[in-house]
C-alpha cells in the first residue's frame, strides 16, 4: 500500500540582498533581528533563512508568504503601510548601500523522509 504525501499549499519566496558597509553591518543586523523580523512575522510573513557574508558586508535573507506572487505583492503593499512597519523603519540605524529583491522558486524537489543511517557502520 503506498501513500501519496499531501500537497503543500503554495508559498511564494523572495530573496533579498542588502549591501552595507563593514562598520554598519552589525548595527543593521541587530535592528533587523530585533525589530524588523518580529514585525514581518506579526504580519504573516515567514523568514525561513538569513545569512551574513562578512567579507562583503551583506545580509541575504529569504522572506515567504502563503499564496502566489500576486498575493505576496498585495500583502507586502499593505505591510509597507502598516503602522508597526512604519515605526520599525523609523528606528532603522542605517540604510543599506544597495539592495535587491527577487522572487525565487525551488529547483530541488522537497525530499521525503531521509532514512537514518548508522554512520559508524559505514566507516
PDB file of N, CA and C in Angstrom:
ATOM      1  N   UNK A   1       0.845  -1.173   0.000  1.00  0.00           N
ATOM      2  CA  UNK A   1       0.000   0.000   0.000  1.00  0.00           C
ATOM      3  C   UNK A   1       0.891   1.236   0.000  1.00  0.00           C
ATOM      4  N   UNK A   2       0.725   2.086  -0.969  1.00  0.00           N
ATOM      5  CA  UNK A   2       1.519   3.309  -0.998  1.00  0.00           C
ATOM      6  C   UNK A   2       0.641   4.496  -0.645  1.00  0.00           C
ATOM      7  N   UNK A   3       1.267   5.447  -0.053  1.00  0.00           N
ATOM      8  CA  UNK A   3       0.533   6.665   0.272  1.00  0.00           C
ATOM      9  C   UNK A   3       1.182   7.820  -0.472  1.00  0.00           C
ATOM     10  N   UNK A   4       0.361   8.692  -0.952  1.00  0.00           N
ATOM     11  CA  UNK A   4       0.845   9.880  -1.634  1.00  0.00           C
ATOM     12  C   UNK A   4       0.850  10.998  -0.606  1.00  0.00           C
ATOM     13  N   UNK A   5       1.999  11.645  -0.421  1.00  0.00           N
ATOM     14  CA  UNK A   5       2.031  12.727   0.562  1.00  0.00           C
ATOM     15  C   UNK A   5       1.099  13.849   0.145  1.00  0.00           C
ATOM     16  N   UNK A   6       0.472  14.486   1.122  1.00  0.00           N
ATOM     17  CA  UNK A   6      -0.429  15.590   0.767  1.00  0.00           C
ATOM     18  C   UNK A   6       0.374  16.732   0.142  1.00  0.00           C
ATOM     19  N   UNK A   7      -0.253  17.401  -0.813  1.00  0.00           N
ATOM     20  CA  UNK A   7       0.446  18.520  -1.433  1.00  0.00           C
ATOM     21  C   UNK A   7       0.437  19.703  -0.472  1.00  0.00           C
ATOM     22  N   UNK A   8       1.522  20.421  -0.486  1.00  0.00           N
ATOM     23  CA  UNK A   8       1.648  21.576   0.384  1.00  0.00           C
ATOM     24  C   UNK A   8       0.999  22.780  -0.272  1.00  0.00           C
ATOM     25  N   UNK A   9       0.421  23.664   0.527  1.00  0.00           N
ATOM     26  CA  UNK A   9      -0.148  24.871  -0.076  1.00  0.00           C
ATOM     27  C   UNK A   9       0.976  25.709  -0.683  1.00  0.00           C
ATOM     28  N   UNK A  10       0.665  26.453  -1.729  1.00  0.00           N
ATOM     29  CA  UNK A  10       1.722  27.251  -2.359  1.00  0.00           C
ATOM     30  C   UNK A  10       2.246  28.338  -1.416  1.00  0.00           C
ATOM     31  N   UNK A  11       3.531  28.554  -1.493  1.00  0.00           N
ATOM     32  CA  UNK A  11       4.201  29.611  -0.736  1.00  0.00           C
ATOM     33  C   UNK A  11       5.110  30.343  -1.705  1.00  0.00           C
ATOM     34  N   UNK A  12       5.053  31.653  -1.673  1.00  0.00           N
ATOM     35  CA  UNK A  12       5.928  32.462  -2.511  1.00  0.00           C
ATOM     36  C   UNK A  12       7.100  32.926  -1.665  1.00  0.00           C
ATOM     37  N   UNK A  13       8.297  32.838  -2.262  1.00  0.00           N
ATOM     38  CA  UNK A  13       9.517  33.232  -1.567  1.00  0.00           C
ATOM     39  C   UNK A  13      10.216  34.341  -2.349  1.00  0.00           C
ATOM     40  N   UNK A  14      10.764  35.253  -1.579  1.00  0.00           N
ATOM     41  CA  UNK A  14      11.517  36.345  -2.180  1.00  0.00           C
ATOM     42  C   UNK A  14      12.902  36.392  -1.523  1.00  0.00           C
ATOM     43  N   UNK A  15      13.934  36.421  -2.337  1.00  0.00           N
ATOM     44  CA  UNK A  15      15.302  36.517  -1.851  1.00  0.00           C
ATOM     45  C   UNK A  15      15.694  37.985  -1.830  1.00  0.00           C
ATOM     46  N   UNK A  16      16.193  38.430  -0.682  1.00  0.00           N
ATOM     47  CA  UNK A  16      16.601  39.825  -0.520  1.00  0.00           C
ATOM     48  C   UNK A  16      18.079  39.884  -0.173  1.00  0.00           C
ATOM     49  N   UNK A  17      18.774  40.807  -0.805  1.00  0.00           N
ATOM     50  CA  UNK A  17      20.210  41.008  -0.538  1.00  0.00           C
ATOM     51  C   UNK A  17      20.422  42.480  -0.229  1.00  0.00           C
ATOM     52  N   UNK A  18      21.016  42.727   0.929  1.00  0.00           N
ATOM     53  CA  UNK A  18      21.329  44.096   1.326  1.00  0.00           C
ATOM     54  C   UNK A  18      22.831  44.234   1.458  1.00  0.00           C
ATOM     55  N   UNK A  19      23.392  45.209   0.784  1.00  0.00           N
ATOM     56  CA  UNK A  19      24.805  45.542   0.896  1.00  0.00           C
ATOM     57  C   UNK A  19      24.929  46.688   1.892  1.00  0.00           C
ATOM     58  N   UNK A  20      25.783  46.516   2.877  1.00  0.00           N
ATOM     59  CA  UNK A  20      26.033  47.558   3.866  1.00  0.00           C
ATOM     60  C   UNK A  20      27.509  47.917   3.835  1.00  0.00           C
ATOM     61  N   UNK A  21      27.933  48.730   4.756  1.00  0.00           N
ATOM     62  CA  UNK A  21      29.360  48.971   4.909  1.00  0.00           C
ATOM     63  C   UNK A  21      29.814  48.126   6.091  1.00  0.00           C
ATOM     64  N   UNK A  22      31.063  47.723   6.122  1.00  0.00           N
ATOM     65  CA  UNK A  22      31.524  46.870   7.220  1.00  0.00           C
ATOM     66  C   UNK A  22      31.248  47.471   8.602  1.00  0.00           C
ATOM     67  N   UNK A  23      31.384  48.782   8.723  1.00  0.00           N
ATOM     68  CA  UNK A  23      31.185  49.400  10.045  1.00  0.00           C
ATOM     69  C   UNK A  23      29.716  49.533  10.450  1.00  0.00           C
ATOM     70  N   UNK A  24      28.780  49.368   9.527  1.00  0.00           N
ATOM     71  CA  UNK A  24      27.358  49.473   9.881  1.00  0.00           C
ATOM     72  C   UNK A  24      26.641  48.121   9.895  1.00  0.00           C
ATOM     73  N   UNK A  25      27.324  47.081   9.444  1.00  0.00           N
ATOM     74  CA  UNK A  25      26.690  45.765   9.298  1.00  0.00           C
ATOM     75  C   UNK A  25      26.091  45.248  10.607  1.00  0.00           C
ATOM     76  N   UNK A  26      26.848  45.249  11.689  1.00  0.00           N
ATOM     77  CA  UNK A  26      26.360  44.675  12.945  1.00  0.00           C
ATOM     78  C   UNK A  26      25.162  45.438  13.507  1.00  0.00           C
ATOM     79  N   UNK A  27      25.186  46.759  13.449  1.00  0.00           N
ATOM     80  CA  UNK A  27      24.051  47.551  13.940  1.00  0.00           C
ATOM     81  C   UNK A  27      22.805  47.268  13.107  1.00  0.00           C
ATOM     82  N   UNK A  28      22.991  47.171  11.801  1.00  0.00           N
ATOM     83  CA  UNK A  28      21.852  46.885  10.926  1.00  0.00           C
ATOM     84  C   UNK A  28      21.280  45.504  11.230  1.00  0.00           C
ATOM     85  N   UNK A  29      22.141  44.499  11.392  1.00  0.00           N
ATOM     86  CA  UNK A  29      21.668  43.139  11.676  1.00  0.00           C
ATOM     87  C   UNK A  29      20.930  43.085  13.010  1.00  0.00           C
ATOM     88  N   UNK A  30      21.442  43.772  14.035  1.00  0.00           N
ATOM     89  CA  UNK A  30      20.736  43.798  15.331  1.00  0.00           C
ATOM     90  C   UNK A  30      19.339  44.383  15.174  1.00  0.00           C
ATOM     91  N   UNK A  31      19.239  45.513  14.462  1.00  0.00           N
ATOM     92  CA  UNK A  31      17.922  46.121  14.231  1.00  0.00           C
ATOM     93  C   UNK A  31      17.032  45.161  13.452  1.00  0.00           C
ATOM     94  N   UNK A  32      17.576  44.562  12.401  1.00  0.00           N
ATOM     95  CA  UNK A  32      16.811  43.652  11.551  1.00  0.00           C
ATOM     96  C   UNK A  32      16.274  42.483  12.377  1.00  0.00           C
ATOM     97  N   UNK A  33      17.136  41.864  13.203  1.00  0.00           N
ATOM     98  CA  UNK A  33      16.727  40.712  14.016  1.00  0.00           C
ATOM     99  C   UNK A  33      15.719  41.095  15.099  1.00  0.00           C
ATOM    100  N   UNK A  34      16.010  42.182  15.808  1.00  0.00           N
ATOM    101  CA  UNK A  34      15.217  42.540  16.988  1.00  0.00           C
ATOM    102  C   UNK A  34      13.963  43.325  16.669  1.00  0.00           C
ATOM    103  N   UNK A  35      13.932  44.005  15.537  1.00  0.00           N
ATOM    104  CA  UNK A  35      12.838  44.920  15.242  1.00  0.00           C
ATOM    105  C   UNK A  35      12.059  44.509  13.993  1.00  0.00           C
ATOM    106  N   UNK A  36      12.747  44.391  12.878  1.00  0.00           N
ATOM    107  CA  UNK A  36      12.032  44.164  11.616  1.00  0.00           C
ATOM    108  C   UNK A  36      11.473  42.749  11.487  1.00  0.00           C
ATOM    109  N   UNK A  37      12.262  41.740  11.831  1.00  0.00           N
ATOM    110  CA  UNK A  37      11.778  40.352  11.684  1.00  0.00           C
ATOM    111  C   UNK A  37      10.510  40.114  12.503  1.00  0.00           C
ATOM    112  N   UNK A  38      10.435  40.534  13.783  1.00  0.00           N
ATOM    113  CA  UNK A  38       9.177  40.325  14.516  1.00  0.00           C
ATOM    114  C   UNK A  38       7.980  41.031  13.878  1.00  0.00           C
ATOM    115  N   UNK A  39       8.202  42.204  13.305  1.00  0.00           N
ATOM    116  CA  UNK A  39       7.105  42.924  12.642  1.00  0.00           C
ATOM    117  C   UNK A  39       6.669  42.173  11.394  1.00  0.00           C
ATOM    118  N   UNK A  40       7.626  41.701  10.612  1.00  0.00           N
ATOM    119  CA  UNK A  40       7.287  40.900   9.415  1.00  0.00           C
ATOM    120  C   UNK A  40       6.468  39.679   9.812  1.00  0.00           C
ATOM    121  N   UNK A  41       6.935  38.975  10.821  1.00  0.00           N
ATOM    122  CA  UNK A  41       6.235  37.749  11.250  1.00  0.00           C
ATOM    123  C   UNK A  41       4.844  38.061  11.783  1.00  0.00           C
ATOM    124  N   UNK A  42       4.703  39.161  12.496  1.00  0.00           N
ATOM    125  CA  UNK A  42       3.383  39.540  13.029  1.00  0.00           C
ATOM    126  C   UNK A  42       2.392  39.813  11.902  1.00  0.00           C
ATOM    127  N   UNK A  43       2.888  40.208  10.746  1.00  0.00           N
ATOM    128  CA  UNK A  43       2.020  40.489   9.613  1.00  0.00           C
ATOM    129  C   UNK A  43       1.774  39.255   8.743  1.00  0.00           C
ATOM    130  N   UNK A  44       2.345  38.100   9.120  1.00  0.00           N
ATOM    131  CA  UNK A  44       2.065  36.866   8.390  1.00  0.00           C
ATOM    132  C   UNK A  44       3.174  36.389   7.476  1.00  0.00           C
ATOM    133  N   UNK A  45       4.263  37.127   7.402  1.00  0.00           N
ATOM    134  CA  UNK A  45       5.402  36.685   6.603  1.00  0.00           C
ATOM    135  C   UNK A  45       6.260  35.742   7.441  1.00  0.00           C
ATOM    136  N   UNK A  46       6.992  34.866   6.766  1.00  0.00           N
ATOM    137  CA  UNK A  46       7.938  33.984   7.438  1.00  0.00           C
ATOM    138  C   UNK A  46       9.330  34.332   6.931  1.00  0.00           C
ATOM    139  N   UNK A  47      10.308  34.137   7.783  1.00  0.00           N
ATOM    140  CA  UNK A  47      11.709  34.329   7.401  1.00  0.00           C
ATOM    141  C   UNK A  47      12.383  32.970   7.577  1.00  0.00           C
ATOM    142  N   UNK A  48      12.345  32.111   6.552  1.00  0.00           N
ATOM    143  CA  UNK A  48      12.880  30.762   6.714  1.00  0.00           C
ATOM    144  C   UNK A  48      14.397  30.687   6.839  1.00  0.00           C
ATOM    145  N   UNK A  49      15.111  31.690   6.315  1.00  0.00           N
ATOM    146  CA  UNK A  49      16.571  31.658   6.442  1.00  0.00           C
ATOM    147  C   UNK A  49      17.141  33.052   6.214  1.00  0.00           C
ATOM    148  N   UNK A  50      18.321  33.254   6.797  1.00  0.00           N
ATOM    149  CA  UNK A  50      19.043  34.507   6.620  1.00  0.00           C
ATOM    150  C   UNK A  50      20.521  34.230   6.840  1.00  0.00           C
ATOM    151  N   UNK A  51      21.344  34.960   6.116  1.00  0.00           N
ATOM    152  CA  UNK A  51      22.788  34.741   6.171  1.00  0.00           C
ATOM    153  C   UNK A  51      23.509  36.075   6.120  1.00  0.00           C
ATOM    154  N   UNK A  52      24.656  36.120   6.755  1.00  0.00           N
ATOM    155  CA  UNK A  52      25.528  37.286   6.647  1.00  0.00           C
ATOM    156  C   UNK A  52      26.812  36.839   5.947  1.00  0.00           C
ATOM    157  N   UNK A  53      27.289  37.693   5.050  1.00  0.00           N
ATOM    158  CA  UNK A  53      28.570  37.467   4.391  1.00  0.00           C
ATOM    159  C   UNK A  53      29.468  38.607   4.865  1.00  0.00           C
ATOM    160  N   UNK A  54      30.272  38.343   5.833  1.00  0.00           N
ATOM    161  CA  UNK A  54      31.107  39.393   6.438  1.00  0.00           C
ATOM    162  C   UNK A  54      32.099  39.979   5.442  1.00  0.00           C
ATOM    163  N   UNK A  55      32.666  39.146   4.575  1.00  0.00           N
ATOM    164  CA  UNK A  55      33.671  39.630   3.618  1.00  0.00           C
ATOM    165  C   UNK A  55      33.128  40.717   2.697  1.00  0.00           C
ATOM    166  N   UNK A  56      31.829  40.671   2.416  1.00  0.00           N
ATOM    167  CA  UNK A  56      31.237  41.661   1.519  1.00  0.00           C
ATOM    168  C   UNK A  56      30.198  42.538   2.225  1.00  0.00           C
ATOM    169  N   UNK A  57      30.079  42.387   3.550  1.00  0.00           N
ATOM    170  CA  UNK A  57      29.128  43.176   4.354  1.00  0.00           C
ATOM    171  C   UNK A  57      27.705  43.072   3.799  1.00  0.00           C
ATOM    172  N   UNK A  58      27.258  41.831   3.573  1.00  0.00           N
ATOM    173  CA  UNK A  58      25.918  41.598   3.027  1.00  0.00           C
ATOM    174  C   UNK A  58      25.040  40.843   4.011  1.00  0.00           C
ATOM    175  N   UNK A  59      23.768  41.194   4.001  1.00  0.00           N
ATOM    176  CA  UNK A  59      22.730  40.403   4.653  1.00  0.00           C
ATOM    177  C   UNK A  59      21.876  39.837   3.529  1.00  0.00           C
ATOM    178  N   UNK A  60      21.757  38.520   3.502  1.00  0.00           N
ATOM    179  CA  UNK A  60      20.973  37.826   2.475  1.00  0.00           C
ATOM    180  C   UNK A  60      19.898  37.049   3.202  1.00  0.00           C
ATOM    181  N   UNK A  61      18.643  37.278   2.848  1.00  0.00           N
ATOM    182  CA  UNK A  61      17.571  36.606   3.563  1.00  0.00           C
ATOM    183  C   UNK A  61      16.408  36.260   2.646  1.00  0.00           C
ATOM    184  N   UNK A  62      15.651  35.288   3.119  1.00  0.00           N
ATOM    185  CA  UNK A  62      14.502  34.789   2.382  1.00  0.00           C
ATOM    186  C   UNK A  62      13.243  35.149   3.161  1.00  0.00           C
ATOM    187  N   UNK A  63      12.290  35.746   2.492  1.00  0.00           N
ATOM    188  CA  UNK A  63      11.002  36.059   3.107  1.00  0.00           C
ATOM    189  C   UNK A  63       9.931  35.288   2.331  1.00  0.00           C
ATOM    190  N   UNK A  64       8.989  34.708   3.066  1.00  0.00           N
ATOM    191  CA  UNK A  64       7.966  33.873   2.434  1.00  0.00           C
ATOM    192  C   UNK A  64       6.572  34.309   2.886  1.00  0.00           C
ATOM    193  N   UNK A  65       5.601  34.069   2.003  1.00  0.00           N
ATOM    194  CA  UNK A  65       4.207  34.391   2.311  1.00  0.00           C
ATOM    195  C   UNK A  65       3.331  33.357   1.611  1.00  0.00           C
ATOM    196  N   UNK A  66       2.267  32.891   2.289  1.00  0.00           N
ATOM    197  CA  UNK A  66       1.405  31.886   1.662  1.00  0.00           C
ATOM    198  C   UNK A  66       0.699  32.433   0.424  1.00  0.00           C
ATOM    199  N   UNK A  67       0.640  31.625  -0.603  1.00  0.00           N
ATOM    200  CA  UNK A  67      -0.063  32.015  -1.817  1.00  0.00           C
ATOM    201  C   UNK A  67       0.893  32.302  -2.959  1.00  0.00           C
ATOM    202  N   UNK A  68       0.336  32.870  -4.022  1.00  0.00           N
ATOM    203  CA  UNK A  68       1.121  33.145  -5.222  1.00  0.00           C
ATOM    204  C   UNK A  68       1.792  34.522  -5.140  1.00  0.00           C
ATOM    205  N   UNK A  69       2.523  34.888  -6.197  1.00  0.00           N
ATOM    206  CA  UNK A  69       3.245  36.164  -6.209  1.00  0.00           C
ATOM    207  C   UNK A  69       2.299  37.361  -6.079  1.00  0.00           C
ATOM    208  N   UNK A  70       1.134  37.267  -6.679  1.00  0.00           N
ATOM    209  CA  UNK A  70       0.174  38.371  -6.588  1.00  0.00           C
ATOM    210  C   UNK A  70      -0.272  38.570  -5.129  1.00  0.00           C
ATOM    211  N   UNK A  71      -0.499  37.474  -4.432  1.00  0.00           N
ATOM    212  CA  UNK A  71      -0.903  37.569  -3.019  1.00  0.00           C
ATOM    213  C   UNK A  71       0.241  38.126  -2.173  1.00  0.00           C
ATOM    214  N   UNK A  72       1.464  37.684  -2.438  1.00  0.00           N
ATOM    215  CA  UNK A  72       2.643  38.199  -1.734  1.00  0.00           C
ATOM    216  C   UNK A  72       2.752  39.708  -1.960  1.00  0.00           C
ATOM    217  N   UNK A  73       2.661  40.117  -3.227  1.00  0.00           N
ATOM    218  CA  UNK A  73       2.806  41.529  -3.585  1.00  0.00           C
ATOM    219  C   UNK A  73       1.734  42.376  -2.903  1.00  0.00           C
ATOM    220  N   UNK A  74       0.514  41.903  -2.872  1.00  0.00           N
ATOM    221  CA  UNK A  74      -0.569  42.642  -2.218  1.00  0.00           C
ATOM    222  C   UNK A  74      -0.342  42.716  -0.712  1.00  0.00           C
ATOM    223  N   UNK A  75       0.069  41.604  -0.110  1.00  0.00           N
ATOM    224  CA  UNK A  75       0.349  41.605   1.334  1.00  0.00           C
ATOM    225  C   UNK A  75       1.494  42.568   1.640  1.00  0.00           C
ATOM    226  N   UNK A  76       2.516  42.574   0.803  1.00  0.00           N
ATOM    227  CA  UNK A  76       3.645  43.473   1.052  1.00  0.00           C
ATOM    228  C   UNK A  76       3.239  44.937   0.891  1.00  0.00           C
ATOM    229  N   UNK A  77       2.375  45.225  -0.063  1.00  0.00           N
ATOM    230  CA  UNK A  77       1.888  46.601  -0.236  1.00  0.00           C
ATOM    231  C   UNK A  77       1.190  47.070   1.043  1.00  0.00           C
ATOM    232  N   UNK A  78       0.336  46.212   1.595  1.00  0.00           N
ATOM    233  CA  UNK A  78      -0.370  46.561   2.838  1.00  0.00           C
ATOM    234  C   UNK A  78       0.606  46.619   4.018  1.00  0.00           C
ATOM    235  N   UNK A  79       1.531  45.683   4.066  1.00  0.00           N
ATOM    236  CA  UNK A  79       2.535  45.640   5.129  1.00  0.00           C
ATOM    237  C   UNK A  79       3.365  46.920   5.152  1.00  0.00           C
ATOM    238  N   UNK A  80       3.765  47.407   3.981  1.00  0.00           N
ATOM    239  CA  UNK A  80       4.598  48.612   3.913  1.00  0.00           C
ATOM    240  C   UNK A  80       3.909  49.836   4.518  1.00  0.00           C
ATOM    241  N   UNK A  81       2.585  49.867   4.517  1.00  0.00           N
ATOM    242  CA  UNK A  81       1.840  50.987   5.089  1.00  0.00           C
ATOM    243  C   UNK A  81       1.407  50.729   6.530  1.00  0.00           C
ATOM    244  N   UNK A  82       1.648  49.520   7.038  1.00  0.00           N
ATOM    245  CA  UNK A  82       1.224  49.143   8.387  1.00  0.00           C
ATOM    246  C   UNK A  82       1.961  49.996   9.412  1.00  0.00           C
ATOM    247  N   UNK A  83       1.269  50.609  10.375  1.00  0.00           N
ATOM    248  CA  UNK A  83       1.931  51.485  11.352  1.00  0.00           C
ATOM    249  C   UNK A  83       3.108  50.835  12.096  1.00  0.00           C
ATOM    250  N   UNK A  84       3.023  49.554  12.422  1.00  0.00           N
ATOM    251  CA  UNK A  84       4.142  48.898  13.111  1.00  0.00           C
ATOM    252  C   UNK A  84       5.374  48.826  12.212  1.00  0.00           C
ATOM    253  N   UNK A  85       5.170  48.611  10.932  1.00  0.00           N
ATOM    254  CA  UNK A  85       6.293  48.562   9.991  1.00  0.00           C
ATOM    255  C   UNK A  85       6.881  49.955   9.807  1.00  0.00           C
ATOM    256  N   UNK A  86       6.033  50.956   9.685  1.00  0.00           N
ATOM    257  CA  UNK A  86       6.499  52.334   9.538  1.00  0.00           C
ATOM    258  C   UNK A  86       7.327  52.727  10.766  1.00  0.00           C
ATOM    259  N   UNK A  87       6.853  52.364  11.959  1.00  0.00           N
ATOM    260  CA  UNK A  87       7.591  52.667  13.187  1.00  0.00           C
ATOM    261  C   UNK A  87       8.929  51.938  13.210  1.00  0.00           C
ATOM    262  N   UNK A  88       8.939  50.680  12.787  1.00  0.00           N
ATOM    263  CA  UNK A  88      10.180  49.916  12.750  1.00  0.00           C
ATOM    264  C   UNK A  88      11.186  50.575  11.815  1.00  0.00           C
ATOM    265  N   UNK A  89      10.740  50.996  10.658  1.00  0.00           N
ATOM    266  CA  UNK A  89      11.650  51.623   9.700  1.00  0.00           C
ATOM    267  C   UNK A  89      12.206  52.944  10.246  1.00  0.00           C
ATOM    268  N   UNK A  90      11.435  53.639  11.079  1.00  0.00           N
ATOM    269  CA  UNK A  90      11.939  54.901  11.645  1.00  0.00           C
ATOM    270  C   UNK A  90      13.064  54.646  12.647  1.00  0.00           C
ATOM    271  N   UNK A  91      13.165  53.411  13.143  1.00  0.00           N
ATOM    272  CA  UNK A  91      14.232  53.054  14.090  1.00  0.00           C
ATOM    273  C   UNK A  91      15.444  52.439  13.386  1.00  0.00           C
ATOM    274  N   UNK A  92      15.374  52.288  12.088  1.00  0.00           N
ATOM    275  CA  UNK A  92      16.476  51.685  11.325  1.00  0.00           C
ATOM    276  C   UNK A  92      17.724  52.537  11.513  1.00  0.00           C
ATOM    277  N   UNK A  93      18.828  51.925  11.982  1.00  0.00           N
ATOM    278  CA  UNK A  93      20.011  52.720  12.297  1.00  0.00           C
ATOM    279  C   UNK A  93      20.754  53.249  11.075  1.00  0.00           C
ATOM    280  N   UNK A  94      20.667  52.555   9.966  1.00  0.00           N
ATOM    281  CA  UNK A  94      21.372  52.951   8.747  1.00  0.00           C
ATOM    282  C   UNK A  94      20.671  52.290   7.571  1.00  0.00           C
ATOM    283  N   UNK A  95      20.668  52.975   6.460  1.00  0.00           N
ATOM    284  CA  UNK A  95      20.087  52.386   5.256  1.00  0.00           C
ATOM    285  C   UNK A  95      21.164  51.581   4.533  1.00  0.00           C
ATOM    286  N   UNK A  96      20.780  50.467   3.923  1.00  0.00           N
ATOM    287  CA  UNK A  96      21.761  49.730   3.117  1.00  0.00           C
ATOM    288  C   UNK A  96      22.301  50.602   1.987  1.00  0.00           C
ATOM    289  N   UNK A  97      23.513  50.312   1.573  1.00  0.00           N
ATOM    290  CA  UNK A  97      24.114  50.991   0.429  1.00  0.00           C
ATOM    291  C   UNK A  97      23.334  50.624  -0.826  1.00  0.00           C
ATOM    292  N   UNK A  98      22.933  49.348  -0.918  1.00  0.00           N
ATOM    293  CA  UNK A  98      22.119  48.887  -2.034  1.00  0.00           C
ATOM    294  C   UNK A  98      21.345  47.649  -1.591  1.00  0.00           C
ATOM    295  N   UNK A  99      20.354  47.315  -2.381  1.00  0.00           N
ATOM    296  CA  UNK A  99      19.569  46.133  -2.074  1.00  0.00           C
ATOM    297  C   UNK A  99      18.844  45.629  -3.306  1.00  0.00           C
ATOM    298  N   UNK A 100      18.584  44.323  -3.298  1.00  0.00           N
ATOM    299  CA  UNK A 100      17.811  43.718  -4.373  1.00  0.00           C
ATOM    300  C   UNK A 100      16.793  42.767  -3.755  1.00  0.00           C
ATOM    301  N   UNK A 101      15.730  42.561  -4.478  1.00  0.00           N
ATOM    302  CA  UNK A 101      14.707  41.603  -4.069  1.00  0.00           C
ATOM    303  C   UNK A 101      14.174  40.936  -5.333  1.00  0.00           C
ATOM    304  N   UNK A 102      14.064  39.610  -5.290  1.00  0.00           N
ATOM    305  CA  UNK A 102      13.559  38.874  -6.448  1.00  0.00           C
ATOM    306  C   UNK A 102      12.819  37.635  -5.977  1.00  0.00           C
ATOM    307  N   UNK A 103      11.726  37.332  -6.638  1.00  0.00           N
ATOM    308  CA  UNK A 103      11.019  36.094  -6.338  1.00  0.00           C
ATOM    309  C   UNK A 103      11.876  34.925  -6.800  1.00  0.00           C
ATOM    310  N   UNK A 104      11.901  33.877  -5.993  1.00  0.00           N
ATOM    311  CA  UNK A 104      12.685  32.685  -6.316  1.00  0.00           C
ATOM    312  C   UNK A 104      11.791  31.455  -6.226  1.00  0.00           C
ATOM    313  N   UNK A 105      12.200  30.414  -6.937  1.00  0.00           N
ATOM    314  CA  UNK A 105      11.466  29.144  -6.935  1.00  0.00           C
ATOM    315  C   UNK A 105      12.446  28.016  -6.646  1.00  0.00           C
ATOM    316  N   UNK A 106      11.931  26.978  -5.991  1.00  0.00           N
ATOM    317  CA  UNK A 106      12.741  25.800  -5.712  1.00  0.00           C
ATOM    318  C   UNK A 106      13.120  25.123  -7.020  1.00  0.00           C
ATOM    319  N   UNK A 107      14.356  24.655  -7.093  1.00  0.00           N
ATOM    320  CA  UNK A 107      14.771  23.847  -8.232  1.00  0.00           C
ATOM    321  C   UNK A 107      15.125  22.436  -7.785  1.00  0.00           C
ATOM    322  N   UNK A 108      15.220  22.244  -6.490  1.00  0.00           N
ATOM    323  CA  UNK A 108      15.442  20.913  -5.936  1.00  0.00           C
ATOM    324  C   UNK A 108      14.127  20.496  -5.289  1.00  0.00           C
ATOM    325  N   UNK A 109      13.543  19.396  -5.735  1.00  0.00           N
ATOM    326  CA  UNK A 109      12.266  18.994  -5.162  1.00  0.00           C
ATOM    327  C   UNK A 109      12.427  18.654  -3.684  1.00  0.00           C
ATOM    328  N   UNK A 110      11.373  18.909  -2.894  1.00  0.00           N
ATOM    329  CA  UNK A 110      11.453  18.539  -1.476  1.00  0.00           C
ATOM    330  C   UNK A 110      11.674  17.039  -1.351  1.00  0.00           C
ATOM    331  N   UNK A 111      12.415  16.660  -0.348  1.00  0.00           N
ATOM    332  CA  UNK A 111      12.710  15.239  -0.154  1.00  0.00           C
ATOM    333  C   UNK A 111      11.709  14.629   0.806  1.00  0.00           C
ATOM    334  N   UNK A 112      11.491  13.348   0.617  1.00  0.00           N
ATOM    335  CA  UNK A 112      10.695  12.589   1.573  1.00  0.00           C
ATOM    336  C   UNK A 112      11.589  12.374   2.788  1.00  0.00           C
ATOM    337  N   UNK A 113      11.057  11.743   3.779  1.00  0.00           N
ATOM    338  CA  UNK A 113      11.844  11.473   4.971  1.00  0.00           C
ATOM    339  C   UNK A 113      13.126  10.745   4.582  1.00  0.00           C
ATOM    340  N   UNK A 114      14.217  11.259   5.048  1.00  0.00           N
ATOM    341  CA  UNK A 114      15.508  10.649   4.745  1.00  0.00           C
ATOM    342  C   UNK A 114      15.741   9.524   5.734  1.00  0.00           C
ATOM    343  N   UNK A 115      16.008   8.319   5.232  1.00  0.00           N
ATOM    344  CA  UNK A 115      16.219   7.219   6.170  1.00  0.00           C
ATOM    345  C   UNK A 115      17.488   7.447   6.986  1.00  0.00           C
ATOM    346  N   UNK A 116      17.392   7.112   8.250  1.00  0.00           N
ATOM    347  CA  UNK A 116      18.547   7.249   9.132  1.00  0.00           C
ATOM    348  C   UNK A 116      19.571   6.191   8.772  1.00  0.00           C
ATOM    349  N   UNK A 117      20.825   6.535   8.924  1.00  0.00           N
ATOM    350  CA  UNK A 117      21.862   5.547   8.683  1.00  0.00           C
ATOM    351  C   UNK A 117      22.809   5.547   9.861  1.00  0.00           C
ATOM    352  N   UNK A 118      23.421   4.437  10.071  1.00  0.00           N
ATOM    353  CA  UNK A 118      24.393   4.303  11.135  1.00  0.00           C
ATOM    354  C   UNK A 118      25.753   4.653  10.539  1.00  0.00           C
ATOM    355  N   UNK A 119      26.188   5.888  10.776  1.00  0.00           N
ATOM    356  CA  UNK A 119      27.422   6.331  10.130  1.00  0.00           C
ATOM    357  C   UNK A 119      28.643   5.525  10.580  1.00  0.00           C
ATOM    358  N   UNK A 120      28.630   5.019  11.813  1.00  0.00           N
ATOM    359  CA  UNK A 120      29.753   4.201  12.269  1.00  0.00           C
ATOM    360  C   UNK A 120      29.851   2.911  11.463  1.00  0.00           C
ATOM    361  N   UNK A 121      28.702   2.376  11.053  1.00  0.00           N
ATOM    362  CA  UNK A 121      28.696   1.130  10.301  1.00  0.00           C
ATOM    363  C   UNK A 121      29.280   1.333   8.905  1.00  0.00           C
ATOM    364  N   UNK A 122      29.180   2.585   8.400  1.00  0.00           N
ATOM    365  CA  UNK A 122      29.662   2.865   7.059  1.00  0.00           C
ATOM    366  C   UNK A 122      31.161   3.136   7.010  1.00  0.00           C
ATOM    367  N   UNK A 123      31.817   3.255   8.148  1.00  0.00           N
ATOM    368  CA  UNK A 123      33.247   3.595   8.166  1.00  0.00           C
ATOM    369  C   UNK A 123      34.135   2.429   7.884  1.00  0.00           C
TER     370      UNK A 123
END
